Each structure stands twice: as C-alpha cells, then as structure tokens.
PDB file of N, CA and C in Angstrom:
ATOM      1  N   MET A   1     -53.148  87.558  98.678  1.00  0.00           N
ATOM      2  CA  MET A   1     -53.314  86.160  99.023  1.00  0.00           C
ATOM      3  C   MET A   1     -53.610  85.313  97.778  1.00  0.00           C
ATOM      4  N   LEU A   2     -54.311  85.907  96.828  1.00  0.00           N
ATOM      5  CA  LEU A   2     -54.607  85.170  95.608  1.00  0.00           C
ATOM      6  C   LEU A   2     -53.334  84.859  94.840  1.00  0.00           C
ATOM      7  N   ALA A   3     -52.448  85.827  94.735  1.00  0.00           N
ATOM      8  CA  ALA A   3     -51.170  85.595  94.059  1.00  0.00           C
ATOM      9  C   ALA A   3     -50.390  84.501  94.760  1.00  0.00           C
ATOM     10  N   GLU A   4     -50.451  84.476  96.069  1.00  0.00           N
ATOM     11  CA  GLU A   4     -49.776  83.438  96.849  1.00  0.00           C
ATOM     12  C   GLU A   4     -50.385  82.065  96.557  1.00  0.00           C
ATOM     13  N   HIS A   5     -51.723  82.018  96.487  1.00  0.00           N
ATOM     14  CA  HIS A   5     -52.432  80.759  96.213  1.00  0.00           C
ATOM     15  C   HIS A   5     -52.049  80.206  94.839  1.00  0.00           C
ATOM     16  N   LEU A   6     -51.881  81.092  93.870  1.00  0.00           N
ATOM     17  CA  LEU A   6     -51.569  80.664  92.504  1.00  0.00           C
ATOM     18  C   LEU A   6     -50.070  80.576  92.220  1.00  0.00           C
ATOM     19  N   ALA A   7     -49.245  80.915  93.194  1.00  0.00           N
ATOM     20  CA  ALA A   7     -47.794  80.936  92.992  1.00  0.00           C
ATOM     21  C   ALA A   7     -47.235  79.585  92.546  1.00  0.00           C
ATOM     22  N   GLY A   8     -47.739  78.491  93.049  1.00  0.00           N
ATOM     23  CA  GLY A   8     -47.243  77.170  92.676  1.00  0.00           C
ATOM     24  C   GLY A   8     -48.041  76.515  91.575  1.00  0.00           C
ATOM     25  N   ALA A   9     -48.855  77.299  90.886  1.00  0.00           N
ATOM     26  CA  ALA A   9     -49.737  76.743  89.867  1.00  0.00           C
ATOM     27  C   ALA A   9     -48.970  76.276  88.636  1.00  0.00           C
ATOM     28  N   VAL A  10     -49.440  75.174  88.079  1.00  0.00           N
ATOM     29  CA  VAL A  10     -48.906  74.651  86.824  1.00  0.00           C
ATOM     30  C   VAL A  10     -50.086  74.405  85.886  1.00  0.00           C
ATOM     31  N   PRO A  11     -49.874  74.457  84.575  1.00  0.00           N
ATOM     32  CA  PRO A  11     -50.970  74.214  83.641  1.00  0.00           C
ATOM     33  C   PRO A  11     -51.484  72.778  83.744  1.00  0.00           C
ATOM     34  N   ALA A  12     -52.811  72.652  83.792  1.00  0.00           N
ATOM     35  CA  ALA A  12     -53.455  71.338  83.806  1.00  0.00           C
ATOM     36  C   ALA A  12     -54.591  71.380  82.787  1.00  0.00           C
ATOM     37  N   ALA A  13     -54.706  70.328  81.976  1.00  0.00           N
ATOM     38  CA  ALA A  13     -55.760  70.258  80.960  1.00  0.00           C
ATOM     39  C   ALA A  13     -57.005  69.619  81.565  1.00  0.00           C
ATOM     40  N   PHE A  14     -58.135  70.284  81.376  1.00  0.00           N
ATOM     41  CA  PHE A  14     -59.418  69.773  81.851  1.00  0.00           C
ATOM     42  C   PHE A  14     -60.293  69.504  80.642  1.00  0.00           C
ATOM     43  N   ASP A  15     -60.578  68.229  80.378  1.00  0.00           N
ATOM     44  CA  ASP A  15     -61.440  67.804  79.280  1.00  0.00           C
ATOM     45  C   ASP A  15     -62.872  68.182  79.650  1.00  0.00           C
ATOM     46  N   LEU A  16     -63.480  69.044  78.871  1.00  0.00           N
ATOM     47  CA  LEU A  16     -64.797  69.565  79.214  1.00  0.00           C
ATOM     48  C   LEU A  16     -65.906  68.525  79.176  1.00  0.00           C
ATOM     49  N   THR A  17     -65.647  67.355  78.589  1.00  0.00           N
ATOM     50  CA  THR A  17     -66.653  66.290  78.623  1.00  0.00           C
ATOM     51  C   THR A  17     -66.620  65.537  79.947  1.00  0.00           C
ATOM     52  N   GLN A  18     -65.595  65.770  80.734  1.00  0.00           N
ATOM     53  CA  GLN A  18     -65.417  65.030  81.985  1.00  0.00           C
ATOM     54  C   GLN A  18     -65.820  65.830  83.230  1.00  0.00           C
ATOM     55  N   PHE A  19     -66.145  67.109  83.052  1.00  0.00           N
ATOM     56  CA  PHE A  19     -66.425  67.972  84.197  1.00  0.00           C
ATOM     57  C   PHE A  19     -67.706  68.749  83.990  1.00  0.00           C
ATOM     58  N   GLU A  20     -68.419  68.966  85.080  1.00  0.00           N
ATOM     59  CA  GLU A  20     -69.530  69.910  85.050  1.00  0.00           C
ATOM     60  C   GLU A  20     -68.900  71.294  84.977  1.00  0.00           C
ATOM     61  N   VAL A  21     -69.359  72.111  84.048  1.00  0.00           N
ATOM     62  CA  VAL A  21     -68.818  73.460  83.892  1.00  0.00           C
ATOM     63  C   VAL A  21     -69.979  74.438  83.984  1.00  0.00           C
ATOM     64  N   ARG A  22     -69.820  75.430  84.846  1.00  0.00           N
ATOM     65  CA  ARG A  22     -70.849  76.448  84.972  1.00  0.00           C
ATOM     66  C   ARG A  22     -70.180  77.808  85.138  1.00  0.00           C
ATOM     67  N   SER A  23     -70.926  78.838  84.848  1.00  0.00           N
ATOM     68  CA  SER A  23     -70.404  80.184  85.066  1.00  0.00           C
ATOM     69  C   SER A  23     -71.090  80.764  86.290  1.00  0.00           C
ATOM     70  N   VAL A  24     -70.360  81.590  86.985  1.00  0.00           N
ATOM     71  CA  VAL A  24     -70.931  82.277  88.134  1.00  0.00           C
ATOM     72  C   VAL A  24     -71.911  83.302  87.580  1.00  0.00           C
ATOM     73  N   PRO A  25     -73.126  83.355  88.109  1.00  0.00           N
ATOM     74  CA  PRO A  25     -74.118  84.291  87.560  1.00  0.00           C
ATOM     75  C   PRO A  25     -73.649  85.738  87.624  1.00  0.00           C
ATOM     76  N   TRP A  26     -73.844  86.446  86.548  1.00  0.00           N
ATOM     77  CA  TRP A  26     -73.502  87.859  86.493  1.00  0.00           C
ATOM     78  C   TRP A  26     -74.775  88.664  86.274  1.00  0.00           C
ATOM     79  N   GLY A  27     -75.524  88.229  85.339  1.00  0.00           N
ATOM     80  CA  GLY A  27     -76.763  88.922  85.000  1.00  0.00           C
ATOM     81  C   GLY A  27     -77.444  88.202  83.866  1.00  0.00           C
ATOM     82  N   ARG A  28     -78.627  88.605  83.564  1.00  0.00           N
ATOM     83  CA  ARG A  28     -79.397  87.945  82.509  1.00  0.00           C
ATOM     84  C   ARG A  28     -78.765  88.173  81.139  1.00  0.00           C
ATOM     85  N   GLY A  29     -78.676  87.111  80.380  1.00  0.00           N
ATOM     86  CA  GLY A  29     -78.236  87.208  79.006  1.00  0.00           C
ATOM     87  C   GLY A  29     -76.738  87.376  78.811  1.00  0.00           C
ATOM     88  N   LEU A  30     -75.961  87.290  79.857  1.00  0.00           N
ATOM     89  CA  LEU A  30     -74.516  87.466  79.726  1.00  0.00           C
ATOM     90  C   LEU A  30     -73.891  86.205  79.144  1.00  0.00           C
ATOM     91  N   ALA A  31     -73.059  86.388  78.142  1.00  0.00           N
ATOM     92  CA  ALA A  31     -72.315  85.272  77.569  1.00  0.00           C
ATOM     93  C   ALA A  31     -70.834  85.622  77.646  1.00  0.00           C
ATOM     94  N   VAL A  32     -70.066  84.772  78.269  1.00  0.00           N
ATOM     95  CA  VAL A  32     -68.625  84.988  78.365  1.00  0.00           C
ATOM     96  C   VAL A  32     -67.980  84.345  77.152  1.00  0.00           C
ATOM     97  N   VAL A  33     -67.287  85.143  76.357  1.00  0.00           N
ATOM     98  CA  VAL A  33     -66.669  84.622  75.146  1.00  0.00           C
ATOM     99  C   VAL A  33     -65.177  84.412  75.373  1.00  0.00           C
ATOM    100  N   ASP A  34     -64.497  85.427  75.852  1.00  0.00           N
ATOM    101  CA  ASP A  34     -63.062  85.338  76.090  1.00  0.00           C
ATOM    102  C   ASP A  34     -62.827  85.047  77.563  1.00  0.00           C
ATOM    103  N   ILE A  35     -62.514  83.806  77.884  1.00  0.00           N
ATOM    104  CA  ILE A  35     -62.362  83.440  79.294  1.00  0.00           C
ATOM    105  C   ILE A  35     -60.907  83.295  79.721  1.00  0.00           C
ATOM    106  N   VAL A  36     -59.967  83.519  78.808  1.00  0.00           N
ATOM    107  CA  VAL A  36     -58.559  83.436  79.181  1.00  0.00           C
ATOM    108  C   VAL A  36     -58.278  84.503  80.232  1.00  0.00           C
ATOM    109  N   GLY A  37     -57.683  84.078  81.322  1.00  0.00           N
ATOM    110  CA  GLY A  37     -57.384  84.971  82.433  1.00  0.00           C
ATOM    111  C   GLY A  37     -58.429  84.955  83.525  1.00  0.00           C
ATOM    112  N   MET A  38     -59.590  84.349  83.252  1.00  0.00           N
ATOM    113  CA  MET A  38     -60.654  84.315  84.250  1.00  0.00           C
ATOM    114  C   MET A  38     -60.286  83.351  85.375  1.00  0.00           C
ATOM    115  N   LEU A  39     -60.706  83.723  86.578  1.00  0.00           N
ATOM    116  CA  LEU A  39     -60.528  82.834  87.720  1.00  0.00           C
ATOM    117  C   LEU A  39     -61.575  81.735  87.660  1.00  0.00           C
ATOM    118  N   VAL A  40     -61.212  80.555  88.129  1.00  0.00           N
ATOM    119  CA  VAL A  40     -62.084  79.392  88.097  1.00  0.00           C
ATOM    120  C   VAL A  40     -62.078  78.741  89.475  1.00  0.00           C
ATOM    121  N   GLY A  41     -63.278  78.487  89.997  1.00  0.00           N
ATOM    122  CA  GLY A  41     -63.398  77.708  91.224  1.00  0.00           C
ATOM    123  C   GLY A  41     -63.317  76.237  90.856  1.00  0.00           C
ATOM    124  N   LEU A  42     -62.502  75.495  91.568  1.00  0.00           N
ATOM    125  CA  LEU A  42     -62.339  74.063  91.310  1.00  0.00           C
ATOM    126  C   LEU A  42     -63.028  73.315  92.444  1.00  0.00           C
ATOM    127  N   ASP A  43     -64.148  72.685  92.109  1.00  0.00           N
ATOM    128  CA  ASP A  43     -64.985  72.037  93.107  1.00  0.00           C
ATOM    129  C   ASP A  43     -64.748  70.537  93.169  1.00  0.00           C
ATOM    130  N   GLY A  44     -64.851  69.997  94.369  1.00  0.00           N
ATOM    131  CA  GLY A  44     -64.711  68.566  94.586  1.00  0.00           C
ATOM    132  C   GLY A  44     -66.033  67.850  94.428  1.00  0.00           C
ATOM    133  N   ARG A  45     -66.006  66.550  94.581  1.00  0.00           N
ATOM    134  CA  ARG A  45     -67.208  65.732  94.416  1.00  0.00           C
ATOM    135  C   ARG A  45     -68.307  66.081  95.414  1.00  0.00           C
ATOM    136  N   ASP A  46     -67.929  66.619  96.563  1.00  0.00           N
ATOM    137  CA  ASP A  46     -68.912  66.973  97.578  1.00  0.00           C
ATOM    138  C   ASP A  46     -69.531  68.351  97.340  1.00  0.00           C
ATOM    139  N   GLY A  47     -69.106  69.041  96.273  1.00  0.00           N
ATOM    140  CA  GLY A  47     -69.652  70.342  95.938  1.00  0.00           C
ATOM    141  C   GLY A  47     -68.912  71.517  96.551  1.00  0.00           C
ATOM    142  N   TRP A  48     -67.962  71.250  97.408  1.00  0.00           N
ATOM    143  CA  TRP A  48     -67.189  72.322  98.037  1.00  0.00           C
ATOM    144  C   TRP A  48     -66.045  72.752  97.136  1.00  0.00           C
ATOM    145  N   THR A  49     -65.747  74.039  97.160  1.00  0.00           N
ATOM    146  CA  THR A  49     -64.632  74.554  96.376  1.00  0.00           C
ATOM    147  C   THR A  49     -63.320  74.163  97.043  1.00  0.00           C
ATOM    148  N   LEU A  50     -62.457  73.482  96.283  1.00  0.00           N
ATOM    149  CA  LEU A  50     -61.164  73.020  96.797  1.00  0.00           C
ATOM    150  C   LEU A  50     -60.095  74.096  96.663  1.00  0.00           C
ATOM    151  N   GLY A  51     -60.232  74.935  95.660  1.00  0.00           N
ATOM    152  CA  GLY A  51     -59.244  75.972  95.409  1.00  0.00           C
ATOM    153  C   GLY A  51     -59.599  76.729  94.147  1.00  0.00           C
ATOM    154  N   LEU A  52     -58.668  77.571  93.749  1.00  0.00           N
ATOM    155  CA  LEU A  52     -58.876  78.394  92.568  1.00  0.00           C
ATOM    156  C   LEU A  52     -57.820  78.112  91.510  1.00  0.00           C
ATOM    157  N   GLY A  53     -58.165  78.439  90.289  1.00  0.00           N
ATOM    158  CA  GLY A  53     -57.231  78.367  89.187  1.00  0.00           C
ATOM    159  C   GLY A  53     -57.479  79.553  88.278  1.00  0.00           C
ATOM    160  N   ARG A  54     -56.675  79.639  87.231  1.00  0.00           N
ATOM    161  CA  ARG A  54     -56.783  80.710  86.241  1.00  0.00           C
ATOM    162  C   ARG A  54     -56.736  80.076  84.858  1.00  0.00           C
ATOM    163  N   VAL A  55     -57.714  80.409  84.012  1.00  0.00           N
ATOM    164  CA  VAL A  55     -57.731  79.882  82.647  1.00  0.00           C
ATOM    165  C   VAL A  55     -56.561  80.501  81.892  1.00  0.00           C
ATOM    166  N   SER A  56     -55.644  79.657  81.420  1.00  0.00           N
ATOM    167  CA  SER A  56     -54.491  80.171  80.681  1.00  0.00           C
ATOM    168  C   SER A  56     -54.634  79.946  79.179  1.00  0.00           C
ATOM    169  N   ALA A  57     -55.510  79.013  78.777  1.00  0.00           N
ATOM    170  CA  ALA A  57     -55.728  78.755  77.349  1.00  0.00           C
ATOM    171  C   ALA A  57     -57.019  77.978  77.160  1.00  0.00           C
ATOM    172  N   VAL A  58     -57.561  78.084  75.956  1.00  0.00           N
ATOM    173  CA  VAL A  58     -58.745  77.322  75.566  1.00  0.00           C
ATOM    174  C   VAL A  58     -58.368  76.557  74.306  1.00  0.00           C
ATOM    175  N   ASP A  59     -58.550  75.243  74.336  1.00  0.00           N
ATOM    176  CA  ASP A  59     -58.284  74.401  73.173  1.00  0.00           C
ATOM    177  C   ASP A  59     -59.631  73.910  72.656  1.00  0.00           C
ATOM    178  N   ILE A  60     -60.222  74.684  71.766  1.00  0.00           N
ATOM    179  CA  ILE A  60     -61.553  74.362  71.264  1.00  0.00           C
ATOM    180  C   ILE A  60     -61.550  73.052  70.492  1.00  0.00           C
ATOM    181  N   ALA A  61     -60.517  72.808  69.707  1.00  0.00           N
ATOM    182  CA  ALA A  61     -60.449  71.591  68.888  1.00  0.00           C
ATOM    183  C   ALA A  61     -60.505  70.331  69.740  1.00  0.00           C
ATOM    184  N   LYS A  62     -59.882  70.362  70.905  1.00  0.00           N
ATOM    185  CA  LYS A  62     -59.861  69.195  71.785  1.00  0.00           C
ATOM    186  C   LYS A  62     -60.884  69.296  72.906  1.00  0.00           C
ATOM    187  N   GLY A  63     -61.627  70.402  72.992  1.00  0.00           N
ATOM    188  CA  GLY A  63     -62.638  70.564  74.035  1.00  0.00           C
ATOM    189  C   GLY A  63     -62.025  70.624  75.419  1.00  0.00           C
ATOM    190  N   ARG A  64     -60.954  71.398  75.553  1.00  0.00           N
ATOM    191  CA  ARG A  64     -60.244  71.470  76.826  1.00  0.00           C
ATOM    192  C   ARG A  64     -60.033  72.904  77.273  1.00  0.00           C
ATOM    193  N   LEU A  65     -60.025  73.061  78.579  1.00  0.00           N
ATOM    194  CA  LEU A  65     -59.547  74.295  79.191  1.00  0.00           C
ATOM    195  C   LEU A  65     -58.205  73.990  79.818  1.00  0.00           C
ATOM    196  N   ILE A  66     -57.257  74.870  79.642  1.00  0.00           N
ATOM    197  CA  ILE A  66     -55.984  74.751  80.332  1.00  0.00           C
ATOM    198  C   ILE A  66     -56.063  75.726  81.502  1.00  0.00           C
ATOM    199  N   ILE A  67     -55.957  75.176  82.692  1.00  0.00           N
ATOM    200  CA  ILE A  67     -56.114  75.969  83.907  1.00  0.00           C
ATOM    201  C   ILE A  67     -54.847  75.860  84.736  1.00  0.00           C
ATOM    202  N   ASP A  68     -54.301  77.016  85.088  1.00  0.00           N
ATOM    203  CA  ASP A  68     -53.146  77.037  85.991  1.00  0.00           C
ATOM    204  C   ASP A  68     -53.670  76.851  87.407  1.00  0.00           C
ATOM    205  N   THR A  69     -53.218  75.787  88.051  1.00  0.00           N
ATOM    206  CA  THR A  69     -53.678  75.477  89.399  1.00  0.00           C
ATOM    207  C   THR A  69     -52.626  74.678  90.144  1.00  0.00           C
ATOM    208  N   ALA A  70     -52.657  74.770  91.450  1.00  0.00           N
ATOM    209  CA  ALA A  70     -51.774  73.974  92.293  1.00  0.00           C
ATOM    210  C   ALA A  70     -52.468  72.684  92.732  1.00  0.00           C
ATOM    211  N   LEU A  71     -53.752  72.538  92.409  1.00  0.00           N
ATOM    212  CA  LEU A  71     -54.522  71.346  92.804  1.00  0.00           C
ATOM    213  C   LEU A  71     -54.283  70.186  91.845  1.00  0.00           C
ATOM    214  N   ASP A  72     -54.436  68.990  92.364  1.00  0.00           N
ATOM    215  CA  ASP A  72     -54.402  67.783  91.544  1.00  0.00           C
ATOM    216  C   ASP A  72     -55.727  67.713  90.775  1.00  0.00           C
ATOM    217  N   PRO A  73     -55.720  67.747  89.450  1.00  0.00           N
ATOM    218  CA  PRO A  73     -56.970  67.707  88.682  1.00  0.00           C
ATOM    219  C   PRO A  73     -57.840  66.485  88.995  1.00  0.00           C
ATOM    220  N   ALA A  74     -57.248  65.420  89.464  1.00  0.00           N
ATOM    221  CA  ALA A  74     -58.023  64.221  89.787  1.00  0.00           C
ATOM    222  C   ALA A  74     -59.000  64.459  90.944  1.00  0.00           C
ATOM    223  N   ARG A  75     -58.767  65.486  91.736  1.00  0.00           N
ATOM    224  CA  ARG A  75     -59.648  65.805  92.871  1.00  0.00           C
ATOM    225  C   ARG A  75     -60.840  66.663  92.461  1.00  0.00           C
ATOM    226  N   VAL A  76     -60.826  67.174  91.228  1.00  0.00           N
ATOM    227  CA  VAL A  76     -61.818  68.144  90.772  1.00  0.00           C
ATOM    228  C   VAL A  76     -62.936  67.447  90.008  1.00  0.00           C
ATOM    229  N   SER A  77     -64.193  67.840  90.303  1.00  0.00           N
ATOM    230  CA  SER A  77     -65.316  67.276  89.555  1.00  0.00           C
ATOM    231  C   SER A  77     -66.143  68.341  88.850  1.00  0.00           C
ATOM    232  N   ALA A  78     -65.936  69.614  89.194  1.00  0.00           N
ATOM    233  CA  ALA A  78     -66.694  70.686  88.548  1.00  0.00           C
ATOM    234  C   ALA A  78     -65.854  71.951  88.485  1.00  0.00           C
ATOM    235  N   LEU A  79     -66.120  72.745  87.453  1.00  0.00           N
ATOM    236  CA  LEU A  79     -65.424  74.006  87.249  1.00  0.00           C
ATOM    237  C   LEU A  79     -66.446  75.133  87.277  1.00  0.00           C
ATOM    238  N   ALA A  80     -66.191  76.152  88.081  1.00  0.00           N
ATOM    239  CA  ALA A  80     -67.074  77.322  88.152  1.00  0.00           C
ATOM    240  C   ALA A  80     -66.297  78.525  87.628  1.00  0.00           C
ATOM    241  N   ILE A  81     -66.579  78.900  86.399  1.00  0.00           N
ATOM    242  CA  ILE A  81     -65.865  80.009  85.772  1.00  0.00           C
ATOM    243  C   ILE A  81     -66.388  81.313  86.355  1.00  0.00           C
ATOM    244  N   GLY A  82     -65.479  82.078  86.910  1.00  0.00           N
ATOM    245  CA  GLY A  82     -65.862  83.298  87.606  1.00  0.00           C
ATOM    246  C   GLY A  82     -66.021  84.502  86.708  1.00  0.00           C
ATOM    247  N   ARG A  83     -66.183  85.661  87.346  1.00  0.00           N
ATOM    248  CA  ARG A  83     -66.381  86.929  86.643  1.00  0.00           C
ATOM    249  C   ARG A  83     -65.126  87.781  86.641  1.00  0.00           C
ATOM    250  N   GLU A  84     -64.140  87.408  87.428  1.00  0.00           N
ATOM    251  CA  GLU A  84     -62.939  88.230  87.585  1.00  0.00           C
ATOM    252  C   GLU A  84     -61.767  87.642  86.828  1.00  0.00           C
ATOM    253  N   ARG A  85     -60.947  88.530  86.294  1.00  0.00           N
ATOM    254  CA  ARG A  85     -59.709  88.122  85.631  1.00  0.00           C
ATOM    255  C   ARG A  85     -58.545  88.318  86.599  1.00  0.00           C
ATOM    256  N   PHE A  86     -57.559  87.467  86.454  1.00  0.00           N
ATOM    257  CA  PHE A  86     -56.339  87.612  87.238  1.00  0.00           C
ATOM    258  C   PHE A  86     -55.189  87.683  86.244  1.00  0.00           C
ATOM    259  N   PRO A  87     -54.399  88.735  86.298  1.00  0.00           N
ATOM    260  CA  PRO A  87     -53.325  88.886  85.316  1.00  0.00           C
ATOM    261  C   PRO A  87     -52.311  87.762  85.412  1.00  0.00           C
ATOM    262  N   ASN A  88     -51.735  87.425  84.272  1.00  0.00           N
ATOM    263  CA  ASN A  88     -50.694  86.405  84.235  1.00  0.00           C
ATOM    264  C   ASN A  88     -49.477  86.932  85.001  1.00  0.00           C
ATOM    265  N   ALA A  89     -49.051  86.170  85.977  1.00  0.00           N
ATOM    266  CA  ALA A  89     -47.936  86.627  86.824  1.00  0.00           C
ATOM    267  C   ALA A  89     -46.608  86.383  86.169  1.00  0.00           C
TER     268      ALA A  89
END
C-alpha cells in the first residue's frame, strides 16, 4: 500500500525555514545524519498527518529537503521525519 501511495509522487522542495520539522522519537541521543530515503509524515495545519513522502535529496546550501510526495506542498505545515527508509522505486 505504501508503494501505491507513493506511486504518483513527484519531487517537491520544502524550505526548512517555512516548516516545523521534527523527528519521530527513536531513543535517547539518536541523531539522524543521512535522511535520504527516509519516510516523512506530512502534517496539515490542524496537526493531522495528510500523507507520506520520501526524502529524495537534501540541499544544505539552500536549507531545503526534496521530498517525493503526491500532496500539494501548500497544504503542509510540518514535517515528521520517520525512522524507516523506503527504497527508491
């Protein structure tokens, strides 16, 4: 079902200064360094998760995450970086 959800995904740039970004708790002291391929919950203004995406690239120079998603980025207000990776299809 996850592959089906991401089947229509296209790359969308998310400016990290415009979104609340958090990681899903894993354990104490965990730091995620390589997040390419990680699943991301895309939350709306009401705090509910609207859908999922997959981090396809990190642009550190511009402070952006490129996330493959079928959602309109304008609907998203927060990003929840998960613990699971999803292979590039």
